[in-house]
Amino acid sequence: MIVCLCAGSSEGDIERALEAGAGSLSEIGDSCRAGLGCGLCHSTLLSILDRRSCEGCPNRNKLGSGCSMELAG
């Protein structure tokens, strides 16, 4: 699936950027150019980043969607 139309970056490109150490929108942009154009893909990129940062978290999906760290505390 294409995530960034401006750069033609796919979800696979984004995943490879994350595997290579990208951890922010600007680092993803540096790696595969996604997010550097019009900005319409920023919400999708942030969702991918959030999903990746919550992997292995014991609080993940307690409410059935996304990271639920707001429950802790």
N, C-alpha and C. Protein backbone atom coordinates (compact mmCIF):
# COMPACT_ATOMS: atom_id res chain seq x y z
N MET A 1 0.84 -1.18 0.00
CA MET A 1 0.00 0.00 0.00
C MET A 1 0.89 1.25 0.00
N ILE A 2 0.58 2.19 -0.88
CA ILE A 2 1.31 3.45 -0.92
C ILE A 2 0.82 4.32 0.24
N VAL A 3 1.76 4.82 1.04
CA VAL A 3 1.45 5.67 2.19
C VAL A 3 1.61 7.14 1.81
N CYS A 4 2.67 7.45 1.10
CA CYS A 4 2.96 8.83 0.71
C CYS A 4 2.94 8.94 -0.81
N LEU A 5 1.92 9.61 -1.32
CA LEU A 5 1.81 9.76 -2.77
C LEU A 5 2.88 10.67 -3.34
N CYS A 6 3.27 11.69 -2.59
CA CYS A 6 4.28 12.64 -3.08
C CYS A 6 5.61 11.94 -3.36
N ALA A 7 6.01 11.05 -2.44
CA ALA A 7 7.29 10.36 -2.58
C ALA A 7 7.15 8.97 -3.18
N GLY A 8 5.90 8.48 -3.28
CA GLY A 8 5.69 7.13 -3.77
C GLY A 8 6.16 6.07 -2.78
N SER A 9 6.17 6.41 -1.49
CA SER A 9 6.66 5.51 -0.46
C SER A 9 5.55 4.56 0.01
N SER A 10 5.89 3.28 0.05
CA SER A 10 4.94 2.27 0.48
C SER A 10 5.07 2.02 1.99
N GLU A 11 4.11 1.26 2.52
CA GLU A 11 4.19 0.87 3.92
C GLU A 11 5.46 0.05 4.17
N GLY A 12 5.84 -0.74 3.19
CA GLY A 12 7.09 -1.51 3.30
C GLY A 12 8.30 -0.60 3.40
N ASP A 13 8.30 0.51 2.63
CA ASP A 13 9.39 1.48 2.73
C ASP A 13 9.46 2.08 4.12
N ILE A 14 8.29 2.38 4.69
CA ILE A 14 8.23 2.98 6.03
C ILE A 14 8.74 1.96 7.05
N GLU A 15 8.30 0.71 6.94
CA GLU A 15 8.75 -0.34 7.86
C GLU A 15 10.27 -0.52 7.78
N ARG A 16 10.83 -0.48 6.59
CA ARG A 16 12.28 -0.61 6.43
C ARG A 16 13.00 0.58 7.07
N ALA A 17 12.43 1.77 6.93
CA ALA A 17 13.02 2.95 7.57
C ALA A 17 13.02 2.79 9.09
N LEU A 18 11.92 2.27 9.64
CA LEU A 18 11.84 2.05 11.08
C LEU A 18 12.83 0.98 11.53
N GLU A 19 12.94 -0.08 10.76
CA GLU A 19 13.90 -1.15 11.08
C GLU A 19 15.33 -0.64 11.05
N ALA A 20 15.58 0.37 10.20
CA ALA A 20 16.92 0.95 10.10
C ALA A 20 17.18 1.99 11.20
N GLY A 21 16.17 2.25 12.05
CA GLY A 21 16.39 3.14 13.18
C GLY A 21 15.60 4.43 13.18
N ALA A 22 14.83 4.69 12.13
CA ALA A 22 14.01 5.92 12.11
C ALA A 22 12.99 5.84 13.24
N GLY A 23 12.81 6.96 13.94
CA GLY A 23 11.87 6.99 15.05
C GLY A 23 11.03 8.24 15.10
N SER A 24 11.04 9.00 14.04
CA SER A 24 10.26 10.24 13.98
C SER A 24 9.88 10.51 12.53
N LEU A 25 8.96 11.46 12.35
CA LEU A 25 8.57 11.82 10.98
C LEU A 25 9.76 12.31 10.17
N SER A 26 10.59 13.14 10.78
CA SER A 26 11.73 13.67 10.03
C SER A 26 12.74 12.58 9.68
N GLU A 27 12.94 11.62 10.56
CA GLU A 27 13.86 10.52 10.27
C GLU A 27 13.30 9.60 9.18
N ILE A 28 11.99 9.40 9.19
CA ILE A 28 11.37 8.63 8.10
C ILE A 28 11.58 9.37 6.78
N GLY A 29 11.36 10.68 6.80
CA GLY A 29 11.57 11.49 5.61
C GLY A 29 12.99 11.43 5.10
N ASP A 30 13.94 11.48 6.04
CA ASP A 30 15.35 11.37 5.65
C ASP A 30 15.64 10.03 4.99
N SER A 31 14.98 8.99 5.48
CA SER A 31 15.25 7.64 4.99
C SER A 31 14.58 7.33 3.65
N CYS A 32 13.29 7.65 3.52
CA CYS A 32 12.58 7.25 2.30
C CYS A 32 11.77 8.37 1.66
N ARG A 33 11.93 9.59 2.15
CA ARG A 33 11.31 10.80 1.59
C ARG A 33 9.82 10.93 1.92
N ALA A 34 9.23 9.95 2.59
CA ALA A 34 7.81 10.02 2.96
C ALA A 34 7.59 11.17 3.93
N GLY A 35 6.50 11.90 3.74
CA GLY A 35 6.14 12.98 4.65
C GLY A 35 6.78 14.32 4.35
N LEU A 36 7.58 14.40 3.32
CA LEU A 36 8.28 15.64 3.03
C LEU A 36 7.53 16.53 2.03
N GLY A 37 6.43 16.04 1.49
CA GLY A 37 5.68 16.80 0.50
C GLY A 37 4.52 17.55 1.12
N CYS A 38 3.33 17.18 0.75
CA CYS A 38 2.12 17.93 1.13
C CYS A 38 1.70 17.72 2.59
N GLY A 39 2.11 16.60 3.19
CA GLY A 39 1.78 16.36 4.60
C GLY A 39 0.52 15.54 4.84
N LEU A 40 -0.20 15.18 3.79
CA LEU A 40 -1.43 14.40 3.99
C LEU A 40 -1.17 13.02 4.59
N CYS A 41 0.03 12.52 4.46
CA CYS A 41 0.35 11.19 4.99
C CYS A 41 0.81 11.22 6.45
N HIS A 42 0.96 12.40 7.04
CA HIS A 42 1.49 12.48 8.41
C HIS A 42 0.69 11.67 9.42
N SER A 43 -0.63 11.69 9.34
CA SER A 43 -1.42 10.94 10.31
C SER A 43 -1.19 9.44 10.15
N THR A 44 -1.05 8.97 8.92
CA THR A 44 -0.78 7.55 8.69
C THR A 44 0.62 7.19 9.19
N LEU A 45 1.59 8.06 8.93
CA LEU A 45 2.95 7.81 9.41
C LEU A 45 2.98 7.77 10.93
N LEU A 46 2.27 8.68 11.56
CA LEU A 46 2.22 8.69 13.03
C LEU A 46 1.55 7.43 13.57
N SER A 47 0.53 6.94 12.88
CA SER A 47 -0.13 5.70 13.30
C SER A 47 0.84 4.52 13.21
N ILE A 48 1.62 4.48 12.15
CA ILE A 48 2.61 3.42 11.99
C ILE A 48 3.66 3.53 13.09
N LEU A 49 4.12 4.75 13.38
CA LEU A 49 5.08 4.95 14.47
C LEU A 49 4.51 4.52 15.81
N ASP A 50 3.26 4.90 16.08
CA ASP A 50 2.61 4.53 17.34
C ASP A 50 2.49 3.01 17.46
N ARG A 51 2.05 2.39 16.38
CA ARG A 51 1.90 0.93 16.38
C ARG A 51 3.24 0.27 16.68
N ARG A 52 4.29 0.77 16.06
CA ARG A 52 5.62 0.19 16.25
C ARG A 52 6.12 0.42 17.67
N SER A 53 5.88 1.60 18.24
CA SER A 53 6.40 1.90 19.57
C SER A 53 5.66 1.14 20.66
N CYS A 54 4.45 0.68 20.37
CA CYS A 54 3.66 -0.07 21.35
C CYS A 54 3.86 -1.57 21.28
N GLU A 55 4.61 -2.06 20.31
CA GLU A 55 4.83 -3.49 20.20
C GLU A 55 5.48 -4.01 21.48
N GLY A 56 4.92 -5.05 22.03
CA GLY A 56 5.46 -5.66 23.23
C GLY A 56 5.03 -4.99 24.52
N CYS A 57 4.28 -3.92 24.45
CA CYS A 57 3.83 -3.21 25.64
C CYS A 57 2.70 -4.01 26.30
N PRO A 58 2.79 -4.25 27.62
CA PRO A 58 1.73 -5.02 28.28
C PRO A 58 0.39 -4.30 28.33
N ASN A 59 0.36 -3.00 28.13
CA ASN A 59 -0.88 -2.23 28.15
C ASN A 59 -1.53 -2.11 26.78
N ARG A 60 -0.88 -2.64 25.76
CA ARG A 60 -1.39 -2.51 24.39
C ARG A 60 -2.75 -3.20 24.25
N ASN A 61 -3.67 -2.49 23.64
CA ASN A 61 -4.99 -3.00 23.28
C ASN A 61 -5.90 -3.33 24.46
N LYS A 62 -5.69 -2.79 25.63
CA LYS A 62 -6.58 -3.06 26.75
C LYS A 62 -7.99 -2.54 26.47
N LEU A 63 -8.09 -1.51 25.65
CA LEU A 63 -9.41 -0.99 25.28
C LEU A 63 -9.83 -1.47 23.90
N GLY A 64 -9.01 -2.29 23.29
CA GLY A 64 -9.35 -2.84 21.98
C GLY A 64 -8.83 -2.06 20.80
N SER A 65 -8.17 -0.93 21.05
CA SER A 65 -7.62 -0.19 19.92
C SER A 65 -6.42 0.63 20.35
N GLY A 66 -5.31 0.37 19.71
CA GLY A 66 -4.12 1.16 19.93
C GLY A 66 -3.50 1.03 21.32
N CYS A 67 -2.55 1.86 21.58
CA CYS A 67 -1.83 1.87 22.86
C CYS A 67 -2.70 2.53 23.92
N SER A 68 -2.77 1.92 25.07
CA SER A 68 -3.64 2.45 26.12
C SER A 68 -2.85 2.83 27.37
N MET A 69 -1.70 3.41 27.19
CA MET A 69 -0.85 3.79 28.32
C MET A 69 -1.56 4.77 29.25
N GLU A 70 -2.58 5.46 28.76
CA GLU A 70 -3.32 6.40 29.62
C GLU A 70 -4.01 5.67 30.77
N LEU A 71 -4.18 4.34 30.65
CA LEU A 71 -4.79 3.56 31.73
C LEU A 71 -3.81 3.35 32.88
N ALA A 72 -2.54 3.31 32.56
CA ALA A 72 -1.53 3.09 33.60
C ALA A 72 -1.35 4.38 34.38
N GLY A 73 -1.49 4.30 35.65
CA GLY A 73 -1.24 5.52 36.43
C GLY A 73 -2.38 6.07 37.08
